[in-house]
Amino acid sequence: MKTLFFACSCFLSIIISPAVSADYERNKAVPVEKVLFGKVYSVRYIAEKELIEDKNKGWKVFGGALIGGAIGNQFGSGSGRDVATILGALIGSSIADSKHPQFRQKTMHLVELMIKTDQGKDYMVVQDLDNRMLFNRNDAIRMIYFGNGTVRIDKQM
């Protein structure tokens, strides 16, 4: 019984712990295809809402069934204990299923930049908002093209 409780608590700590993601990877060299320099002539901040599917829902329902079954197993004896275990598993899974929605809403903060390069070409770039690097009209920028096809706009220092 102690091992079942320990396994359940370890399983739940893995499920409940938040996923960590970063916009940048540290200590990694990334090939750059080319760099263009220019100025910002238009800035627009955008907040876009997106529905994201909860990919951990199945594991949460399974964890609820596991805990419910462990609690139900504490009651009764013989075939009554089996029934209590099954009912506990069903109740635990239904509570976990109803508690966590299938989709959640995420707000993405973006910045749209209209740029005129030193070569005279105009570009529009939409990228994630970085509160440490806010752009204004006439800011000198560099447009970095990475080897994987992405573009990043930074202020010239």
C-alpha atoms as a PDB file:
ATOM      1  CA  MET A   1       0.000   0.000   0.000  1.00  0.00           C
ATOM      2  CA  LYS A   2       2.855   2.381   0.800  1.00  0.00           C
ATOM      3  CA  THR A   3       4.415   1.734  -2.588  1.00  0.00           C
ATOM      4  CA  LEU A   4       1.088   2.461  -4.319  1.00  0.00           C
ATOM      5  CA  PHE A   5       0.758   5.759  -2.444  1.00  0.00           C
ATOM      6  CA  PHE A   6       4.387   6.681  -3.272  1.00  0.00           C
ATOM      7  CA  ALA A   7       3.860   5.833  -6.954  1.00  0.00           C
ATOM      8  CA  CYS A   8       0.654   7.920  -7.056  1.00  0.00           C
ATOM      9  CA  SER A   9       2.332  10.941  -5.446  1.00  0.00           C
ATOM     10  CA  CYS A  10       5.310  10.755  -7.828  1.00  0.00           C
ATOM     11  CA  PHE A  11       2.986  10.414 -10.804  1.00  0.00           C
ATOM     12  CA  LEU A  12       0.911  13.436  -9.739  1.00  0.00           C
ATOM     13  CA  SER A  13       3.968  15.608  -9.122  1.00  0.00           C
ATOM     14  CA  ILE A  14       5.062  14.966 -12.704  1.00  0.00           C
ATOM     15  CA  ILE A  15       1.603  15.739 -14.112  1.00  0.00           C
ATOM     16  CA  ILE A  16       0.969  18.862 -12.079  1.00  0.00           C
ATOM     17  CA  SER A  17       4.400  20.450 -12.530  1.00  0.00           C
ATOM     18  CA  PRO A  18       4.285  23.248 -15.137  1.00  0.00           C
ATOM     19  CA  ALA A  19       6.099  22.892 -18.423  1.00  0.00           C
ATOM     20  CA  VAL A  20       9.025  25.278 -18.824  1.00  0.00           C
ATOM     21  CA  SER A  21       9.807  26.816 -22.182  1.00  0.00           C
ATOM     22  CA  ALA A  22      12.108  29.634 -23.238  1.00  0.00           C
ATOM     23  CA  ASP A  23      12.195  31.828 -26.322  1.00  0.00           C
ATOM     24  CA  TYR A  24      15.972  31.612 -26.515  1.00  0.00           C
ATOM     25  CA  GLU A  25      18.338  28.746 -25.983  1.00  0.00           C
ATOM     26  CA  ARG A  26      21.386  29.665 -23.972  1.00  0.00           C
ATOM     27  CA  ASN A  27      24.918  28.661 -24.862  1.00  0.00           C
ATOM     28  CA  LYS A  28      24.032  27.599 -28.380  1.00  0.00           C
ATOM     29  CA  ALA A  29      25.608  28.867 -31.587  1.00  0.00           C
ATOM     30  CA  VAL A  30      23.092  29.387 -34.379  1.00  0.00           C
ATOM     31  CA  PRO A  31      24.185  29.933 -37.994  1.00  0.00           C
ATOM     32  CA  VAL A  32      23.213  33.308 -39.474  1.00  0.00           C
ATOM     33  CA  GLU A  33      22.502  33.527 -43.209  1.00  0.00           C
ATOM     34  CA  LYS A  34      22.550  37.321 -43.508  1.00  0.00           C
ATOM     35  CA  VAL A  35      22.074  40.548 -41.568  1.00  0.00           C
ATOM     36  CA  LEU A  36      20.328  43.672 -42.908  1.00  0.00           C
ATOM     37  CA  PHE A  37      20.322  47.078 -41.256  1.00  0.00           C
ATOM     38  CA  GLY A  38      17.557  49.662 -41.372  1.00  0.00           C
ATOM     39  CA  LYS A  39      15.044  51.779 -39.479  1.00  0.00           C
ATOM     40  CA  VAL A  40      11.583  51.162 -38.036  1.00  0.00           C
ATOM     41  CA  TYR A  41       8.918  53.379 -39.564  1.00  0.00           C
ATOM     42  CA  SER A  42       5.839  51.754 -37.992  1.00  0.00           C
ATOM     43  CA  VAL A  43       5.235  49.794 -34.774  1.00  0.00           C
ATOM     44  CA  ARG A  44       2.024  48.031 -33.768  1.00  0.00           C
ATOM     45  CA  TYR A  45       1.586  45.928 -30.652  1.00  0.00           C
ATOM     46  CA  ILE A  46      -0.817  43.000 -31.006  1.00  0.00           C
ATOM     47  CA  ALA A  47      -2.434  40.713 -28.437  1.00  0.00           C
ATOM     48  CA  GLU A  48      -3.687  37.542 -30.112  1.00  0.00           C
ATOM     49  CA  LYS A  49      -5.700  34.896 -28.300  1.00  0.00           C
ATOM     50  CA  GLU A  50      -5.302  31.266 -29.241  1.00  0.00           C
ATOM     51  CA  LEU A  51      -6.994  28.102 -28.038  1.00  0.00           C
ATOM     52  CA  ILE A  52      -4.526  25.399 -27.089  1.00  0.00           C
ATOM     53  CA  GLU A  53      -5.468  21.759 -26.622  1.00  0.00           C
ATOM     54  CA  ASP A  54      -4.625  20.334 -23.219  1.00  0.00           C
ATOM     55  CA  LYS A  55      -2.267  17.502 -24.151  1.00  0.00           C
ATOM     56  CA  ASN A  56      -1.975  16.185 -20.580  1.00  0.00           C
ATOM     57  CA  LYS A  57      -5.697  15.548 -20.089  1.00  0.00           C
ATOM     58  CA  GLY A  58      -5.457  11.786 -20.564  1.00  0.00           C
ATOM     59  CA  TRP A  59      -2.720  11.514 -17.959  1.00  0.00           C
ATOM     60  CA  LYS A  60      -4.716  13.636 -15.519  1.00  0.00           C
ATOM     61  CA  VAL A  61      -7.779  11.405 -15.944  1.00  0.00           C
ATOM     62  CA  PHE A  62      -5.619   8.319 -15.474  1.00  0.00           C
ATOM     63  CA  GLY A  63      -4.098   9.833 -12.324  1.00  0.00           C
ATOM     64  CA  GLY A  64      -7.587  10.626 -10.983  1.00  0.00           C
ATOM     65  CA  ALA A  65      -8.682   7.036 -11.625  1.00  0.00           C
ATOM     66  CA  LEU A  66      -5.546   5.713  -9.932  1.00  0.00           C
ATOM     67  CA  ILE A  67      -6.053   7.841  -6.824  1.00  0.00           C
ATOM     68  CA  GLY A  68      -9.784   7.151  -6.708  1.00  0.00           C
ATOM     69  CA  GLY A  69      -9.140   3.426  -6.977  1.00  0.00           C
ATOM     70  CA  ALA A  70      -6.545   3.579  -4.178  1.00  0.00           C
ATOM     71  CA  ILE A  71      -8.998   5.426  -1.921  1.00  0.00           C
ATOM     72  CA  GLY A  72     -11.856   3.063  -2.817  1.00  0.00           C
ATOM     73  CA  ASN A  73      -9.653   0.087  -2.015  1.00  0.00           C
ATOM     74  CA  GLN A  74      -9.593   1.209   1.642  1.00  0.00           C
ATOM     75  CA  PHE A  75     -13.294   0.379   2.122  1.00  0.00           C
ATOM     76  CA  GLY A  76     -15.068  -2.937   2.400  1.00  0.00           C
ATOM     77  CA  SER A  77     -13.733  -6.465   2.208  1.00  0.00           C
ATOM     78  CA  GLY A  78     -13.878  -9.263  -0.358  1.00  0.00           C
ATOM     79  CA  SER A  79     -16.059  -8.475  -3.370  1.00  0.00           C
ATOM     80  CA  GLY A  80     -17.268  -5.286  -1.641  1.00  0.00           C
ATOM     81  CA  ARG A  81     -13.696  -3.996  -1.704  1.00  0.00           C
ATOM     82  CA  ASP A  82     -13.473  -4.736  -5.438  1.00  0.00           C
ATOM     83  CA  VAL A  83     -16.691  -2.799  -6.076  1.00  0.00           C
ATOM     84  CA  ALA A  84     -15.461   0.111  -3.924  1.00  0.00           C
ATOM     85  CA  THR A  85     -12.163   0.148  -5.839  1.00  0.00           C
ATOM     86  CA  ILE A  86     -13.935   0.254  -9.207  1.00  0.00           C
ATOM     87  CA  LEU A  87     -16.353   2.952  -8.046  1.00  0.00           C
ATOM     88  CA  GLY A  88     -13.463   4.987  -6.624  1.00  0.00           C
ATOM     89  CA  ALA A  89     -11.605   4.744  -9.934  1.00  0.00           C
ATOM     90  CA  LEU A  90     -14.703   5.815 -11.886  1.00  0.00           C
ATOM     91  CA  ILE A  91     -15.417   8.741  -9.571  1.00  0.00           C
ATOM     92  CA  GLY A  92     -11.764   9.855  -9.537  1.00  0.00           C
ATOM     93  CA  SER A  93     -11.504   9.768 -13.321  1.00  0.00           C
ATOM     94  CA  SER A  94     -14.768  11.665 -13.804  1.00  0.00           C
ATOM     95  CA  ILE A  95     -13.683  14.359 -11.319  1.00  0.00           C
ATOM     96  CA  ALA A  96     -10.321  14.742 -13.083  1.00  0.00           C
ATOM     97  CA  ASP A  97     -12.067  14.837 -16.477  1.00  0.00           C
ATOM     98  CA  SER A  98     -14.535  17.541 -15.470  1.00  0.00           C
ATOM     99  CA  LYS A  99     -11.974  19.615 -13.566  1.00  0.00           C
ATOM    100  CA  HIS A 100      -9.599  20.194 -16.464  1.00  0.00           C
ATOM    101  CA  PRO A 101     -11.016  21.685 -19.667  1.00  0.00           C
ATOM    102  CA  GLN A 102     -10.015  20.158 -22.951  1.00  0.00           C
ATOM    103  CA  PHE A 103      -8.838  23.526 -24.308  1.00  0.00           C
ATOM    104  CA  ARG A 104      -7.289  26.497 -22.602  1.00  0.00           C
ATOM    105  CA  GLN A 105      -6.847  30.018 -23.882  1.00  0.00           C
ATOM    106  CA  LYS A 106      -3.402  31.534 -24.302  1.00  0.00           C
ATOM    107  CA  THR A 107      -2.743  35.186 -25.098  1.00  0.00           C
ATOM    108  CA  MET A 108       0.260  35.820 -27.319  1.00  0.00           C
ATOM    109  CA  HIS A 109       1.796  39.285 -27.250  1.00  0.00           C
ATOM    110  CA  LEU A 110       3.329  40.223 -30.597  1.00  0.00           C
ATOM    111  CA  VAL A 111       4.866  43.276 -32.223  1.00  0.00           C
ATOM    112  CA  GLU A 112       4.422  44.151 -35.911  1.00  0.00           C
ATOM    113  CA  LEU A 113       7.312  46.167 -37.340  1.00  0.00           C
ATOM    114  CA  MET A 114       7.409  47.932 -40.692  1.00  0.00           C
ATOM    115  CA  ILE A 115      11.056  48.330 -41.631  1.00  0.00           C
ATOM    116  CA  LYS A 116      12.940  50.158 -44.363  1.00  0.00           C
ATOM    117  CA  THR A 117      16.391  48.678 -44.875  1.00  0.00           C
ATOM    118  CA  ASP A 118      19.490  50.659 -45.815  1.00  0.00           C
ATOM    119  CA  GLN A 119      19.118  49.150 -49.322  1.00  0.00           C
ATOM    120  CA  GLY A 120      15.679  50.845 -49.628  1.00  0.00           C
ATOM    121  CA  LYS A 121      13.503  47.726 -49.382  1.00  0.00           C
ATOM    122  CA  ASP A 122      10.441  47.568 -47.123  1.00  0.00           C
ATOM    123  CA  TYR A 123       9.745  44.599 -44.836  1.00  0.00           C
ATOM    124  CA  MET A 124       7.001  43.732 -42.374  1.00  0.00           C
ATOM    125  CA  VAL A 125       7.997  41.437 -39.515  1.00  0.00           C
ATOM    126  CA  VAL A 126       5.770  40.069 -36.750  1.00  0.00           C
ATOM    127  CA  GLN A 127       7.617  38.632 -33.763  1.00  0.00           C
ATOM    128  CA  ASP A 128       7.084  37.857 -30.087  1.00  0.00           C
ATOM    129  CA  LEU A 129       7.027  40.889 -27.829  1.00  0.00           C
ATOM    130  CA  ASP A 130      10.141  41.239 -25.694  1.00  0.00           C
ATOM    131  CA  ASN A 131       9.459  43.762 -22.919  1.00  0.00           C
ATOM    132  CA  ARG A 132      13.198  44.387 -22.597  1.00  0.00           C
ATOM    133  CA  MET A 133      13.363  45.557 -26.225  1.00  0.00           C
ATOM    134  CA  LEU A 134      10.480  47.875 -27.086  1.00  0.00           C
ATOM    135  CA  PHE A 135      10.623  49.499 -30.508  1.00  0.00           C
ATOM    136  CA  ASN A 136       9.774  53.065 -31.488  1.00  0.00           C
ATOM    137  CA  ARG A 137       9.508  54.867 -34.796  1.00  0.00           C
ATOM    138  CA  ASN A 138      12.958  55.673 -36.305  1.00  0.00           C
ATOM    139  CA  ASP A 139      14.822  53.120 -34.157  1.00  0.00           C
ATOM    140  CA  ALA A 140      17.934  51.754 -35.873  1.00  0.00           C
ATOM    141  CA  ILE A 141      17.579  47.972 -36.162  1.00  0.00           C
ATOM    142  CA  ARG A 142      19.276  44.906 -37.539  1.00  0.00           C
ATOM    143  CA  MET A 143      17.288  42.155 -39.261  1.00  0.00           C
ATOM    144  CA  ILE A 144      18.917  38.777 -38.633  1.00  0.00           C
ATOM    145  CA  TYR A 145      18.105  35.828 -40.915  1.00  0.00           C
ATOM    146  CA  PHE A 146      18.855  32.490 -39.238  1.00  0.00           C
ATOM    147  CA  GLY A 147      19.699  29.250 -41.011  1.00  0.00           C
ATOM    148  CA  ASN A 148      16.394  27.620 -40.021  1.00  0.00           C
ATOM    149  CA  GLY A 149      14.325  30.212 -41.932  1.00  0.00           C
ATOM    150  CA  THR A 150      13.398  32.485 -39.019  1.00  0.00           C
ATOM    151  CA  VAL A 151      13.982  36.220 -38.771  1.00  0.00           C
ATOM    152  CA  ARG A 152      14.660  38.272 -35.664  1.00  0.00           C
ATOM    153  CA  ILE A 153      14.664  42.053 -35.311  1.00  0.00           C
ATOM    154  CA  ASP A 154      16.980  43.633 -32.707  1.00  0.00           C
ATOM    155  CA  LYS A 155      17.926  47.216 -31.940  1.00  0.00           C
ATOM    156  CA  GLN A 156      21.363  48.320 -33.070  1.00  0.00           C
ATOM    157  CA  MET A 157      23.589  49.079 -30.117  1.00  0.00           C
END
